[in-house]
């Protein structure tokens, strides 16, 4: 994340002036403007997504693993099936590559943002 500028803006209402701090920044996906709230100041620093790691987007249960360690996979091929909210979600490969490590096994209940598969 690259900070472009920090600015203070004055907003005026009837008989009052309030200073509002905001920040312009570029996250690699575009330019954004945000206020300096407590939540913003306490956030985790931005880090770009590494396509060699496959994380769970939602919590659920692993119902099937369709690849093995050392197997070559193509982009968008199905790696495993994650059941969440009574739906079978097919998790696909983000890149062409070789499976380095599988961090889950069939029947595992996993939380959101859990590392499931690593590529070389």
C-alpha atoms as a PDB file:
ATOM      1  CA  UNK A   1       0.000   0.000   0.000  1.00  0.00           C
ATOM      2  CA  UNK A   2       1.371   3.364  -0.960  1.00  0.00           C
ATOM      3  CA  UNK A   3       0.122   6.446   0.854  1.00  0.00           C
ATOM      4  CA  UNK A   4      -0.452   9.243  -1.626  1.00  0.00           C
ATOM      5  CA  UNK A   5      -1.283  12.075   0.755  1.00  0.00           C
ATOM      6  CA  UNK A   6      -2.688  13.014   4.126  1.00  0.00           C
ATOM      7  CA  UNK A   7      -5.070  15.950   4.201  1.00  0.00           C
ATOM      8  CA  UNK A   8      -7.307  17.814   6.599  1.00  0.00           C
ATOM      9  CA  UNK A   9     -10.672  18.988   5.353  1.00  0.00           C
ATOM     10  CA  UNK A  10     -12.811  21.612   7.034  1.00  0.00           C
ATOM     11  CA  UNK A  11     -16.534  21.012   6.970  1.00  0.00           C
ATOM     12  CA  UNK A  12     -18.731  23.821   8.162  1.00  0.00           C
ATOM     13  CA  UNK A  13     -22.223  23.659   9.563  1.00  0.00           C
ATOM     14  CA  UNK A  14     -24.215  26.356  11.290  1.00  0.00           C
ATOM     15  CA  UNK A  15     -21.854  28.158  13.690  1.00  0.00           C
ATOM     16  CA  UNK A  16     -19.377  25.271  13.917  1.00  0.00           C
ATOM     17  CA  UNK A  17     -16.247  24.141  12.145  1.00  0.00           C
ATOM     18  CA  UNK A  18     -15.048  20.541  12.334  1.00  0.00           C
ATOM     19  CA  UNK A  19     -11.691  19.334  11.086  1.00  0.00           C
ATOM     20  CA  UNK A  20     -11.817  15.928   9.428  1.00  0.00           C
ATOM     21  CA  UNK A  21      -8.602  14.011   8.727  1.00  0.00           C
ATOM     22  CA  UNK A  22      -8.533  11.654   5.785  1.00  0.00           C
ATOM     23  CA  UNK A  23      -5.942   9.777   3.809  1.00  0.00           C
ATOM     24  CA  UNK A  24      -5.602   8.990   0.114  1.00  0.00           C
ATOM     25  CA  UNK A  25      -3.879   5.691  -0.598  1.00  0.00           C
ATOM     26  CA  UNK A  26      -3.271   3.221  -3.414  1.00  0.00           C
ATOM     27  CA  UNK A  27      -3.736  -0.469  -2.620  1.00  0.00           C
ATOM     28  CA  UNK A  28      -2.640  -1.742  -6.022  1.00  0.00           C
ATOM     29  CA  UNK A  29      -6.284  -2.143  -7.003  1.00  0.00           C
ATOM     30  CA  UNK A  30      -7.094   1.563  -7.154  1.00  0.00           C
ATOM     31  CA  UNK A  31      -6.982   4.842  -5.251  1.00  0.00           C
ATOM     32  CA  UNK A  32      -9.091   5.171  -2.112  1.00  0.00           C
ATOM     33  CA  UNK A  33      -9.925   7.869   0.416  1.00  0.00           C
ATOM     34  CA  UNK A  34     -10.624   6.998   4.054  1.00  0.00           C
ATOM     35  CA  UNK A  35     -11.258   8.799   7.320  1.00  0.00           C
ATOM     36  CA  UNK A  36      -8.921   8.351  10.284  1.00  0.00           C
ATOM     37  CA  UNK A  37     -11.278   6.315  12.482  1.00  0.00           C
ATOM     38  CA  UNK A  38     -10.174   4.104  15.387  1.00  0.00           C
ATOM     39  CA  UNK A  39     -11.032   1.058  13.290  1.00  0.00           C
ATOM     40  CA  UNK A  40      -8.880   2.322  10.391  1.00  0.00           C
ATOM     41  CA  UNK A  41      -5.904   3.076  12.636  1.00  0.00           C
ATOM     42  CA  UNK A  42      -6.121  -0.387  14.320  1.00  0.00           C
ATOM     43  CA  UNK A  43      -6.390  -2.337  11.031  1.00  0.00           C
ATOM     44  CA  UNK A  44      -3.964  -4.974   9.792  1.00  0.00           C
ATOM     45  CA  UNK A  45      -1.545  -3.622   7.203  1.00  0.00           C
ATOM     46  CA  UNK A  46      -2.489  -4.373   3.597  1.00  0.00           C
ATOM     47  CA  UNK A  47      -0.632  -7.235   1.956  1.00  0.00           C
ATOM     48  CA  UNK A  48      -1.220  -8.414  -1.614  1.00  0.00           C
ATOM     49  CA  UNK A  49      -2.740 -11.857  -2.116  1.00  0.00           C
ATOM     50  CA  UNK A  50      -0.175 -14.598  -2.746  1.00  0.00           C
ATOM     51  CA  UNK A  51      -1.610 -16.959  -5.398  1.00  0.00           C
ATOM     52  CA  UNK A  52       0.553 -19.828  -4.083  1.00  0.00           C
ATOM     53  CA  UNK A  53      -1.687 -20.141  -1.005  1.00  0.00           C
ATOM     54  CA  UNK A  54      -5.363 -21.168  -1.059  1.00  0.00           C
ATOM     55  CA  UNK A  55      -7.375 -19.899   1.935  1.00  0.00           C
ATOM     56  CA  UNK A  56     -10.983 -20.587   2.898  1.00  0.00           C
ATOM     57  CA  UNK A  57     -13.286 -17.666   2.158  1.00  0.00           C
ATOM     58  CA  UNK A  58     -15.961 -18.987   4.539  1.00  0.00           C
ATOM     59  CA  UNK A  59     -16.018 -21.413   7.488  1.00  0.00           C
ATOM     60  CA  UNK A  60     -17.116 -24.957   6.718  1.00  0.00           C
ATOM     61  CA  UNK A  61     -16.285 -28.664   6.540  1.00  0.00           C
ATOM     62  CA  UNK A  62     -13.946 -30.321   4.037  1.00  0.00           C
ATOM     63  CA  UNK A  63     -16.018 -33.038   2.328  1.00  0.00           C
ATOM     64  CA  UNK A  64     -13.631 -34.127  -0.438  1.00  0.00           C
ATOM     65  CA  UNK A  65     -10.005 -33.570  -1.488  1.00  0.00           C
ATOM     66  CA  UNK A  66      -9.421 -34.143  -5.197  1.00  0.00           C
ATOM     67  CA  UNK A  67      -5.634 -33.572  -5.406  1.00  0.00           C
ATOM     68  CA  UNK A  68      -2.517 -35.064  -3.827  1.00  0.00           C
ATOM     69  CA  UNK A  69       0.845 -33.610  -2.813  1.00  0.00           C
ATOM     70  CA  UNK A  70       3.162 -33.392  -5.826  1.00  0.00           C
ATOM     71  CA  UNK A  71       0.331 -33.378  -8.357  1.00  0.00           C
ATOM     72  CA  UNK A  72       0.439 -30.848 -11.203  1.00  0.00           C
ATOM     73  CA  UNK A  73      -2.802 -28.883 -11.511  1.00  0.00           C
ATOM     74  CA  UNK A  74      -4.114 -26.408 -14.049  1.00  0.00           C
ATOM     75  CA  UNK A  75      -5.626 -23.045 -13.222  1.00  0.00           C
ATOM     76  CA  UNK A  76      -9.357 -23.321 -12.337  1.00  0.00           C
ATOM     77  CA  UNK A  77      -9.219 -27.100 -11.765  1.00  0.00           C
ATOM     78  CA  UNK A  78     -11.101 -28.259  -8.647  1.00  0.00           C
ATOM     79  CA  UNK A  79      -8.829 -28.897  -5.640  1.00  0.00           C
ATOM     80  CA  UNK A  80     -11.318 -29.736  -2.917  1.00  0.00           C
ATOM     81  CA  UNK A  81     -14.935 -29.404  -1.832  1.00  0.00           C
ATOM     82  CA  UNK A  82     -15.889 -27.241   1.165  1.00  0.00           C
ATOM     83  CA  UNK A  83     -19.391 -27.629   2.596  1.00  0.00           C
ATOM     84  CA  UNK A  84     -20.772 -24.456   4.135  1.00  0.00           C
ATOM     85  CA  UNK A  85     -24.399 -23.609   4.929  1.00  0.00           C
ATOM     86  CA  UNK A  86     -25.560 -26.879   3.279  1.00  0.00           C
ATOM     87  CA  UNK A  87     -23.860 -25.960  -0.007  1.00  0.00           C
ATOM     88  CA  UNK A  88     -20.996 -27.814  -1.686  1.00  0.00           C
ATOM     89  CA  UNK A  89     -18.394 -25.178  -2.679  1.00  0.00           C
ATOM     90  CA  UNK A  90     -15.786 -26.298  -5.201  1.00  0.00           C
ATOM     91  CA  UNK A  91     -12.444 -24.660  -4.409  1.00  0.00           C
ATOM     92  CA  UNK A  92     -10.385 -24.166  -7.578  1.00  0.00           C
ATOM     93  CA  UNK A  93      -6.691 -23.596  -8.264  1.00  0.00           C
ATOM     94  CA  UNK A  94      -5.776 -19.901  -8.681  1.00  0.00           C
ATOM     95  CA  UNK A  95      -2.696 -20.749 -10.807  1.00  0.00           C
ATOM     96  CA  UNK A  96      -1.056 -23.546 -12.788  1.00  0.00           C
ATOM     97  CA  UNK A  97       1.336 -25.321 -10.459  1.00  0.00           C
ATOM     98  CA  UNK A  98       2.382 -28.256  -8.337  1.00  0.00           C
ATOM     99  CA  UNK A  99       0.728 -28.972  -4.980  1.00  0.00           C
ATOM    100  CA  UNK A 100       3.382 -28.536  -2.278  1.00  0.00           C
ATOM    101  CA  UNK A 101       1.319 -29.180   0.858  1.00  0.00           C
ATOM    102  CA  UNK A 102      -2.277 -29.949   1.812  1.00  0.00           C
ATOM    103  CA  UNK A 103      -3.059 -28.456   5.228  1.00  0.00           C
ATOM    104  CA  UNK A 104      -6.527 -30.021   5.641  1.00  0.00           C
ATOM    105  CA  UNK A 105      -8.005 -33.505   5.600  1.00  0.00           C
ATOM    106  CA  UNK A 106     -11.455 -34.848   4.836  1.00  0.00           C
ATOM    107  CA  UNK A 107     -13.883 -34.074   7.658  1.00  0.00           C
ATOM    108  CA  UNK A 108     -11.951 -31.082   9.049  1.00  0.00           C
ATOM    109  CA  UNK A 109     -14.048 -28.144  10.231  1.00  0.00           C
ATOM    110  CA  UNK A 110     -12.167 -24.997   9.283  1.00  0.00           C
ATOM    111  CA  UNK A 111     -12.659 -21.283  10.053  1.00  0.00           C
ATOM    112  CA  UNK A 112     -12.628 -18.398   7.599  1.00  0.00           C
ATOM    113  CA  UNK A 113      -9.171 -17.476   6.187  1.00  0.00           C
ATOM    114  CA  UNK A 114      -7.699 -20.906   6.995  1.00  0.00           C
ATOM    115  CA  UNK A 115      -4.755 -22.056   4.830  1.00  0.00           C
ATOM    116  CA  UNK A 116      -5.917 -25.154   2.936  1.00  0.00           C
ATOM    117  CA  UNK A 117      -3.407 -25.794   0.117  1.00  0.00           C
ATOM    118  CA  UNK A 118       0.069 -24.502  -0.774  1.00  0.00           C
ATOM    119  CA  UNK A 119       1.669 -24.489  -4.245  1.00  0.00           C
ATOM    120  CA  UNK A 120       5.382 -24.613  -5.138  1.00  0.00           C
END
